[in-house]
Amino acid sequence: LLSYQTVGRFCTIRLSQQQQSCVTTITMYKIDLPFDKREDVARERRRNAEQQRKSHVFDPRIRQIGVDVQALEQQVNERQILQAEECHLHQAFAADMVRTDKLAAMLQERQFADIRQLNMALNEYRKTEQTADTRREFDLNDPEMKKKATPARVSDDDPRCSVSGLQKLQGEDLSHKARMKLQQEQMCEWALQQTIDKRQKQQEQDHSDRIHDLKVIELDQRAMQLAEAETECQQAIKLATKDFNAALAREIEAKRRLEKTQEEDNNFTELSNQIHGDLLTENPQVARSAFGPHRVVVANWKGMSPQEVDHIRQDQTIQREEKKRVKEAEKKDAIEWERQTIANARVGLMMDDGEKKSRKQLARELMLENRRLAAEQKKQQEYLDKEVYTNQPTDAYFSQFNTTTR
């Protein structure tokens, strides 16, 4: 027979006594332990998340662009839709709240009015019907009770006066029957009076309703009469307006004819004045100005005389000669300026040549200096490559980076 002992996750198998000579201790993996699937699920989830993260991190397109435009646009659209829904919901709530507030305010005003009317009616009823002298216990609280009550002793022969001098002993009620009868009669009178008052109020209410109905009928009839009167008044106004418009039209027609006649007369007079006036007859005397012989009235001037024309031509001849002399002087000045410009250009060319020679000399010196600096830099780079930077990194060194997303 085999016997085994469990220690941790391993088992030790022992043989029977007959096989002690070849006892062998075997260590094996324990298979019968319960298998926990949650660890494998969590491990697989982390592995998948790592693969997805690698696909995003090591993708050149996503890494260079930096964002997922499609996802962002979808988020923006969803956010806009959500905001629109929230705005619509808020507007609906606001409209409902406004309607509820208006309804509550209206109901509250109606309740206040009803309470006010009830209080006014109650106070009026108390003032008119519930006076102090109509109360059942008024005889107990009457301030004139002592004056109205019978004195304890009227005379010496008053039978109420006993030997001991007490008018009433404890526990006695001599006037109980009379008082009860009186109270019952008073209750009957009160009930009868209330019935009468109620019937009277009902009659008053009916009378008031009847008067109100009659008043409403009277107002309706009055309104109909006013409407008929207003209709008749409007018709009269329309008729008067029509007559007035007809008279006004006749007046306007007469006025138009009179204006036309006056306009024809004025046109005829103006035509006659133009024919016989100085404008068409070209009278030279009308162009003379009152401010001197050298000035004329522009509106009446008909042209210059032959003497004025000869004088103007002489002035033009003098102006042409003067202009010719000015042109000759300008020509001489232009020739002198051209000579000065040529001389200045020659001097400038000479200066440019000297400046070019100086620039060539500087460029030559700069080139020599650059060659010297290049040689020194080359020697420095060779020293760094051969003496300083001797340990060059291989591909294995670079391949150890950027292997995970963490």
Protein backbone atom coordinates (compact mmCIF):
# COMPACT_ATOMS: atom_id res chain seq x y z
CA LEU A 1 0.00 0.00 0.00
CA LEU A 2 1.04 3.58 -0.62
CA SER A 3 0.74 6.35 1.93
CA TYR A 4 1.29 9.98 1.13
CA GLN A 5 1.58 13.07 3.22
CA THR A 6 0.66 16.55 1.92
CA VAL A 7 3.07 19.33 2.65
CA GLY A 8 2.22 22.69 1.02
CA ARG A 9 1.67 22.18 -2.67
CA PHE A 10 3.80 19.01 -2.88
CA CYS A 11 3.17 15.37 -1.88
CA THR A 12 5.62 12.80 -0.46
CA ILE A 13 4.89 9.13 -1.42
CA ARG A 14 6.10 6.34 0.93
CA LEU A 15 6.15 2.59 0.20
CA SER A 16 5.15 -0.28 2.50
CA GLN A 17 7.53 -2.01 4.92
CA GLN A 18 8.21 -4.84 2.47
CA GLN A 19 9.76 -2.35 0.12
CA GLN A 20 11.73 -0.31 2.69
CA SER A 21 14.92 -1.38 1.04
CA CYS A 22 13.97 0.54 -2.03
CA VAL A 23 12.12 3.34 -0.33
CA THR A 24 12.07 6.26 -2.64
CA THR A 25 10.75 9.70 -1.80
CA ILE A 26 9.16 11.32 -4.83
CA THR A 27 8.20 14.98 -4.89
CA MET A 28 5.44 15.77 -7.41
CA TYR A 29 3.18 18.71 -8.22
CA LYS A 30 -0.14 18.61 -6.40
CA ILE A 31 -2.90 18.22 -8.99
CA ASP A 32 -5.94 17.93 -6.72
CA LEU A 33 -5.74 21.54 -5.39
CA PRO A 34 -8.71 23.77 -6.30
CA PHE A 35 -7.99 25.92 -9.32
CA ASP A 36 -8.63 29.65 -8.91
CA LYS A 37 -9.92 31.02 -12.21
CA ARG A 38 -10.13 34.65 -11.01
CA GLU A 39 -6.34 35.06 -11.11
CA ASP A 40 -6.18 33.76 -14.68
CA VAL A 41 -9.05 36.07 -15.70
CA ALA A 42 -7.34 39.08 -14.11
CA ARG A 43 -4.00 38.12 -15.67
CA GLU A 44 -5.62 37.73 -19.10
CA ARG A 45 -7.38 41.09 -18.71
CA ARG A 46 -4.11 42.83 -17.87
CA ARG A 47 -2.39 41.12 -20.80
CA ASN A 48 -5.12 42.29 -23.21
CA ALA A 49 -4.99 45.84 -21.81
CA GLU A 50 -1.21 45.85 -22.30
CA GLN A 51 -1.57 44.69 -25.91
CA GLN A 52 -4.16 47.38 -26.64
CA ARG A 53 -1.95 50.00 -25.02
CA LYS A 54 0.99 48.83 -27.14
CA SER A 55 -1.12 49.12 -30.29
CA HIS A 56 -1.88 52.74 -29.38
CA VAL A 57 1.55 53.73 -28.07
CA PHE A 58 3.67 52.12 -30.82
CA ASP A 59 1.42 53.17 -33.68
CA PRO A 60 3.34 55.96 -35.52
CA ARG A 61 0.19 57.61 -36.81
CA ILE A 62 -1.49 57.91 -33.40
CA ARG A 63 1.80 58.82 -31.69
CA GLN A 64 2.53 61.65 -34.14
CA ILE A 65 -0.99 63.03 -34.31
CA GLY A 66 -1.47 62.70 -30.58
CA VAL A 67 -5.26 62.42 -30.38
CA ASP A 68 -8.12 60.34 -31.78
CA VAL A 69 -10.07 62.91 -33.77
CA GLN A 70 -12.98 60.58 -34.50
CA ALA A 71 -13.41 59.70 -30.83
CA LEU A 72 -13.19 63.36 -29.85
CA GLU A 73 -15.79 64.32 -32.46
CA GLN A 74 -18.07 61.56 -31.21
CA GLN A 75 -17.62 62.79 -27.64
CA VAL A 76 -18.37 66.37 -28.73
CA ASN A 77 -21.52 65.24 -30.56
CA GLU A 78 -22.66 63.20 -27.57
CA ARG A 79 -21.96 66.13 -25.27
CA GLN A 80 -23.93 68.51 -27.53
CA ILE A 81 -26.85 66.06 -27.69
CA LEU A 82 -26.76 65.69 -23.89
CA GLN A 83 -26.62 69.47 -23.42
CA ALA A 84 -29.54 69.94 -25.85
CA GLU A 85 -31.59 67.34 -23.96
CA GLU A 86 -30.72 68.95 -20.63
CA CYS A 87 -31.61 72.39 -21.99
CA HIS A 88 -34.94 71.07 -23.33
CA LEU A 89 -35.63 69.37 -19.99
CA HIS A 90 -34.74 72.52 -18.05
CA GLN A 91 -36.99 74.62 -20.30
CA ALA A 92 -39.85 72.16 -19.78
CA PHE A 93 -39.29 72.21 -16.01
CA ALA A 94 -39.09 76.03 -16.07
CA ALA A 95 -42.34 76.30 -18.06
CA ASP A 96 -44.02 73.83 -15.69
CA MET A 97 -42.73 75.77 -12.69
CA VAL A 98 -43.98 79.07 -14.13
CA ARG A 99 -47.40 77.55 -14.84
CA THR A 100 -47.52 75.99 -11.35
CA ASP A 101 -46.48 79.28 -9.74
CA LYS A 102 -49.14 81.21 -11.65
CA LEU A 103 -51.78 78.63 -10.70
CA ALA A 104 -50.65 78.66 -7.05
CA ALA A 105 -50.66 82.47 -6.99
CA MET A 106 -54.15 82.55 -8.52
CA LEU A 107 -55.44 79.94 -6.06
CA GLN A 108 -53.81 81.78 -3.16
CA GLU A 109 -55.40 85.07 -4.22
CA ARG A 110 -58.76 83.32 -4.54
CA GLN A 111 -58.31 81.72 -1.11
CA PHE A 112 -57.37 85.08 0.44
CA ALA A 113 -60.43 86.70 -1.15
CA ASP A 114 -62.71 83.92 0.11
CA ILE A 115 -61.23 84.14 3.60
CA ARG A 116 -61.63 87.91 3.53
CA GLN A 117 -65.27 87.62 2.46
CA LEU A 118 -65.96 84.98 5.13
CA ASN A 119 -64.32 87.10 7.82
CA MET A 120 -66.26 90.16 6.74
CA ALA A 121 -69.52 88.19 6.77
CA LEU A 122 -68.68 86.65 10.14
CA ASN A 123 -67.85 90.01 11.67
CA GLU A 124 -71.01 91.52 10.26
CA TYR A 125 -73.07 88.63 11.65
CA ARG A 126 -71.44 88.97 15.06
CA LYS A 127 -72.00 92.69 15.01
CA THR A 128 -75.68 92.49 14.08
CA GLU A 129 -76.88 89.14 15.48
CA GLN A 130 -74.56 88.07 18.31
CA THR A 131 -74.78 91.03 20.62
CA ALA A 132 -74.07 90.70 24.31
CA ASP A 133 -77.71 90.97 25.40
CA THR A 134 -78.82 88.01 23.23
CA ARG A 135 -76.52 85.46 24.84
CA ARG A 136 -77.93 82.63 26.95
CA GLU A 137 -75.68 83.43 29.92
CA PHE A 138 -76.22 87.19 29.72
CA ASP A 139 -78.19 87.08 32.95
CA LEU A 140 -75.05 85.82 34.69
CA ASN A 141 -72.73 88.44 33.15
CA ASP A 142 -75.16 91.36 33.09
CA PRO A 143 -73.47 94.40 34.66
CA GLU A 144 -76.92 95.63 35.72
CA MET A 145 -77.76 92.32 37.35
CA LYS A 146 -77.59 93.68 40.89
CA LYS A 147 -79.86 96.56 39.99
CA LYS A 148 -82.42 94.30 38.32
CA ALA A 149 -82.39 91.54 40.95
CA THR A 150 -84.81 91.49 43.86
CA PRO A 151 -83.18 92.62 47.12
CA ALA A 152 -82.54 90.02 49.75
CA ARG A 153 -84.86 91.88 52.16
CA VAL A 154 -87.77 93.98 50.98
CA SER A 155 -89.46 94.63 54.31
CA ASP A 156 -89.70 93.30 57.77
CA ASP A 157 -92.61 91.10 56.75
CA ASP A 158 -90.65 89.50 53.90
CA PRO A 159 -91.30 85.81 54.21
CA ARG A 160 -87.79 85.12 52.88
CA CYS A 161 -86.30 86.36 56.08
CA SER A 162 -86.11 83.33 58.38
CA VAL A 163 -85.40 83.24 62.10
CA SER A 164 -81.75 82.62 61.55
CA GLY A 165 -81.51 85.52 59.09
CA LEU A 166 -80.44 83.37 56.15
CA GLN A 167 -82.29 83.94 52.89
CA LYS A 168 -81.17 80.67 51.28
CA LEU A 169 -79.58 77.59 52.77
CA GLN A 170 -77.05 75.33 51.07
CA GLY A 171 -78.60 72.90 48.61
CA GLU A 172 -81.91 74.72 48.28
CA ASP A 173 -83.30 75.87 44.92
CA LEU A 174 -86.72 77.33 45.52
CA SER A 175 -87.17 78.90 42.03
CA HIS A 176 -85.92 75.90 40.00
CA LYS A 177 -89.22 75.13 38.29
CA ALA A 178 -89.97 78.76 37.47
CA ARG A 179 -86.42 79.29 36.15
CA MET A 180 -86.53 76.12 34.04
CA LYS A 181 -89.88 77.13 32.62
CA LEU A 182 -88.62 80.61 31.88
CA GLN A 183 -85.51 79.21 30.19
CA GLN A 184 -87.57 76.82 28.08
CA GLU A 185 -89.80 79.69 26.99
CA GLN A 186 -86.74 81.75 26.20
CA MET A 187 -85.24 78.87 24.16
CA CYS A 188 -88.49 78.58 22.21
CA GLU A 189 -88.47 82.30 21.56
CA TRP A 190 -84.85 82.14 20.40
CA ALA A 191 -85.57 79.23 18.06
CA LEU A 192 -88.62 81.02 16.69
CA GLN A 193 -86.66 84.25 16.28
CA GLN A 194 -83.85 82.42 14.47
CA THR A 195 -86.35 80.76 12.14
CA ILE A 196 -87.94 84.14 11.43
CA ASP A 197 -84.52 85.75 10.86
CA LYS A 198 -83.48 82.93 8.54
CA ARG A 199 -86.69 83.20 6.56
CA GLN A 200 -86.28 86.97 6.38
CA LYS A 201 -82.67 86.65 5.20
CA GLN A 202 -83.77 84.17 2.53
CA GLN A 203 -86.45 86.59 1.39
CA GLU A 204 -83.90 89.43 1.33
CA GLN A 205 -81.51 87.27 -0.67
CA ASP A 206 -84.25 86.37 -3.15
CA HIS A 207 -85.21 90.02 -3.42
CA SER A 208 -81.57 90.98 -3.95
CA ASP A 209 -81.20 88.32 -6.67
CA ARG A 210 -84.38 89.53 -8.33
CA ILE A 211 -83.14 93.12 -8.25
CA HIS A 212 -79.77 91.99 -9.65
CA ASP A 213 -81.48 90.14 -12.52
CA LEU A 214 -83.63 93.18 -13.27
CA LYS A 215 -80.53 95.38 -13.18
CA VAL A 216 -78.73 93.04 -15.59
CA ILE A 217 -81.71 93.09 -17.96
CA GLU A 218 -81.84 96.88 -17.71
CA LEU A 219 -78.11 97.16 -18.45
CA ASP A 220 -78.47 94.84 -21.45
CA GLN A 221 -81.34 96.94 -22.80
CA ARG A 222 -79.33 100.09 -22.17
CA ALA A 223 -76.37 98.57 -24.00
CA MET A 224 -78.58 97.67 -26.97
CA GLN A 225 -79.99 101.23 -27.04
CA LEU A 226 -76.48 102.68 -26.89
CA ALA A 227 -75.37 100.35 -29.69
CA GLU A 228 -78.31 101.43 -31.86
CA ALA A 229 -77.61 105.08 -31.05
CA GLU A 230 -73.96 104.60 -31.91
CA THR A 231 -74.90 102.94 -35.22
CA GLU A 232 -77.20 105.83 -36.10
CA CYS A 233 -74.49 108.32 -35.09
CA GLN A 234 -71.93 106.55 -37.28
CA GLN A 235 -74.34 106.58 -40.23
CA ALA A 236 -74.96 110.30 -39.69
CA ILE A 237 -71.21 110.91 -39.49
CA LYS A 238 -70.63 108.94 -42.70
CA LEU A 239 -73.36 110.92 -44.48
CA ALA A 240 -71.93 114.23 -43.23
CA THR A 241 -68.42 113.13 -44.26
CA LYS A 242 -69.71 112.19 -47.72
CA ASP A 243 -71.36 115.61 -48.14
CA PHE A 244 -68.27 117.38 -46.88
CA ASN A 245 -66.02 115.42 -49.26
CA ALA A 246 -68.32 116.25 -52.19
CA ALA A 247 -68.24 119.96 -51.30
CA LEU A 248 -64.48 119.83 -50.84
CA ALA A 249 -64.08 118.11 -54.23
CA ARG A 250 -66.16 120.85 -55.90
CA GLU A 251 -64.09 123.51 -54.17
CA ILE A 252 -60.83 121.85 -55.24
CA GLU A 253 -62.06 121.58 -58.85
CA ALA A 254 -62.98 125.27 -58.89
CA LYS A 255 -59.64 126.20 -57.36
CA ARG A 256 -57.81 124.06 -59.96
CA ARG A 257 -59.64 125.77 -62.81
CA LEU A 258 -58.82 129.21 -61.38
CA GLU A 259 -55.14 128.27 -61.00
CA LYS A 260 -55.06 126.94 -64.56
CA THR A 261 -56.53 130.21 -65.87
CA GLN A 262 -54.00 132.25 -63.85
CA GLU A 263 -51.15 130.06 -65.06
CA GLU A 264 -52.17 130.53 -68.70
CA ASP A 265 -52.32 134.32 -68.19
CA ASN A 266 -48.89 134.31 -66.52
CA ASN A 267 -47.41 132.20 -69.32
CA PHE A 268 -48.79 134.55 -71.95
CA THR A 269 -47.41 137.58 -70.09
CA GLU A 270 -43.98 135.93 -69.67
CA LEU A 271 -43.88 135.03 -73.36
CA SER A 272 -44.67 138.61 -74.34
CA ASN A 273 -41.98 139.95 -71.99
CA GLN A 274 -39.40 137.55 -73.40
CA ILE A 275 -40.17 138.53 -76.97
CA HIS A 276 -39.96 142.28 -76.32
CA GLY A 277 -37.29 142.09 -73.57
CA ASP A 278 -33.53 142.77 -73.62
CA LEU A 279 -32.58 139.10 -73.55
CA LEU A 280 -33.74 138.22 -77.05
CA THR A 281 -33.14 141.68 -78.49
CA GLU A 282 -29.49 141.47 -77.26
CA ASN A 283 -29.26 145.04 -75.96
CA PRO A 284 -25.61 145.65 -74.91
CA GLN A 285 -26.59 148.38 -72.45
CA VAL A 286 -28.15 145.92 -70.05
CA ALA A 287 -24.75 144.21 -69.46
CA ARG A 288 -23.14 147.31 -67.97
CA SER A 289 -22.48 147.04 -64.24
CA ALA A 290 -23.03 149.77 -61.71
CA PHE A 291 -19.68 148.98 -60.03
CA GLY A 292 -17.50 150.24 -62.92
CA PRO A 293 -16.88 150.04 -66.67
CA HIS A 294 -14.50 147.08 -66.29
CA ARG A 295 -17.27 144.89 -64.80
CA VAL A 296 -20.35 143.40 -66.50
CA VAL A 297 -23.57 141.67 -65.47
CA VAL A 298 -22.91 138.04 -66.37
CA ALA A 299 -26.58 137.13 -66.76
CA ASN A 300 -27.12 139.92 -69.37
CA TRP A 301 -23.73 139.88 -71.15
CA LYS A 302 -23.97 139.08 -74.88
CA GLY A 303 -20.30 139.04 -75.89
CA MET A 304 -17.23 141.27 -76.33
CA SER A 305 -16.79 144.18 -78.68
CA PRO A 306 -14.11 144.18 -81.48
CA GLN A 307 -11.89 146.53 -79.44
CA GLU A 308 -11.95 144.13 -76.48
CA VAL A 309 -11.12 141.21 -78.75
CA ASP A 310 -8.03 143.08 -80.23
CA HIS A 311 -6.82 143.92 -76.74
CA ILE A 312 -7.06 140.30 -75.63
CA ARG A 313 -5.12 139.13 -78.71
CA GLN A 314 -2.30 141.57 -77.96
CA ASP A 315 -2.12 140.25 -74.39
CA GLN A 316 -1.94 136.67 -75.72
CA THR A 317 1.00 137.60 -78.01
CA ILE A 318 2.92 139.08 -75.06
CA GLN A 319 2.20 135.94 -72.98
CA ARG A 320 3.51 133.66 -75.75
CA GLU A 321 6.81 135.58 -75.94
CA GLU A 322 7.19 135.45 -72.17
CA LYS A 323 6.54 131.71 -72.14
CA LYS A 324 9.13 131.16 -74.88
CA ARG A 325 11.75 133.05 -72.86
CA VAL A 326 10.95 130.97 -69.76
CA LYS A 327 11.31 127.72 -71.74
CA GLU A 328 14.78 128.75 -73.00
CA ALA A 329 15.89 129.46 -69.43
CA GLU A 330 14.56 126.10 -68.26
CA LYS A 331 16.41 124.35 -71.08
CA LYS A 332 19.70 125.94 -70.03
CA ASP A 333 19.09 124.87 -66.41
CA ALA A 334 18.35 121.30 -67.54
CA ILE A 335 21.64 121.13 -69.49
CA GLU A 336 23.55 122.33 -66.42
CA TRP A 337 21.80 119.79 -64.16
CA GLU A 338 22.61 116.97 -66.59
CA ARG A 339 26.29 117.94 -66.56
CA GLN A 340 26.30 117.93 -62.74
CA THR A 341 24.55 114.52 -62.69
CA ILE A 342 27.18 112.96 -65.01
CA ALA A 343 30.00 114.32 -62.82
CA ASN A 344 28.36 112.94 -59.67
CA ALA A 345 27.87 109.55 -61.33
CA ARG A 346 31.58 109.35 -62.19
CA VAL A 347 32.54 110.13 -58.63
CA GLY A 348 30.10 107.46 -57.40
CA LEU A 349 31.57 104.84 -59.72
CA MET A 350 35.04 105.57 -58.42
CA MET A 351 33.84 105.21 -54.85
CA ASP A 352 32.05 101.93 -55.68
CA ASP A 353 35.27 100.51 -57.17
CA GLY A 354 37.20 101.33 -53.99
CA GLU A 355 34.49 99.80 -51.83
CA LYS A 356 34.48 96.61 -53.95
CA LYS A 357 38.24 96.25 -53.55
CA SER A 358 37.88 96.64 -49.76
CA ARG A 359 35.12 94.00 -49.68
CA LYS A 360 37.24 91.55 -51.73
CA GLN A 361 40.15 92.03 -49.30
CA LEU A 362 37.85 91.41 -46.30
CA ALA A 363 36.33 88.34 -47.96
CA ARG A 364 39.79 86.94 -48.66
CA GLU A 365 40.84 87.45 -45.02
CA LEU A 366 37.59 85.90 -43.77
CA MET A 367 38.07 82.86 -46.03
CA LEU A 368 41.58 82.31 -44.66
CA GLU A 369 40.30 82.59 -41.10
CA ASN A 370 37.49 80.11 -41.81
CA ARG A 371 39.95 77.63 -43.28
CA ARG A 372 42.08 77.89 -40.18
CA LEU A 373 39.07 77.39 -37.88
CA ALA A 374 37.88 74.44 -40.00
CA ALA A 375 41.27 72.76 -39.70
CA GLU A 376 41.27 73.25 -35.95
CA GLN A 377 37.70 71.91 -35.67
CA LYS A 378 38.63 68.88 -37.78
CA LYS A 379 41.57 68.12 -35.53
CA GLN A 380 39.33 68.49 -32.45
CA GLN A 381 36.70 66.14 -33.94
CA GLU A 382 39.36 63.56 -34.85
CA TYR A 383 40.68 63.74 -31.28
CA LEU A 384 37.16 63.18 -29.89
CA ASP A 385 36.40 60.29 -32.27
CA LYS A 386 39.74 58.48 -31.78
CA GLU A 387 40.64 59.31 -28.19
CA VAL A 388 37.48 60.25 -26.26
CA TYR A 389 34.46 58.55 -27.88
CA THR A 390 35.87 55.04 -28.23
CA ASN A 391 32.92 53.10 -26.73
CA GLN A 392 30.32 53.10 -29.56
CA PRO A 393 26.79 51.81 -28.63
CA THR A 394 25.51 48.81 -30.62
CA ASP A 395 22.00 47.89 -31.77
CA ALA A 396 21.50 45.72 -28.69
CA TYR A 397 21.84 48.82 -26.52
CA PHE A 398 19.03 50.63 -28.35
CA SER A 399 16.76 47.60 -28.63
CA GLN A 400 16.28 47.41 -24.84
CA PHE A 401 14.24 50.68 -24.87
CA ASN A 402 10.61 51.19 -25.88
CA THR A 403 9.61 47.56 -25.39
CA THR A 404 6.67 48.11 -22.98
CA THR A 405 4.14 50.87 -22.39
CA ARG A 406 5.08 51.41 -18.77
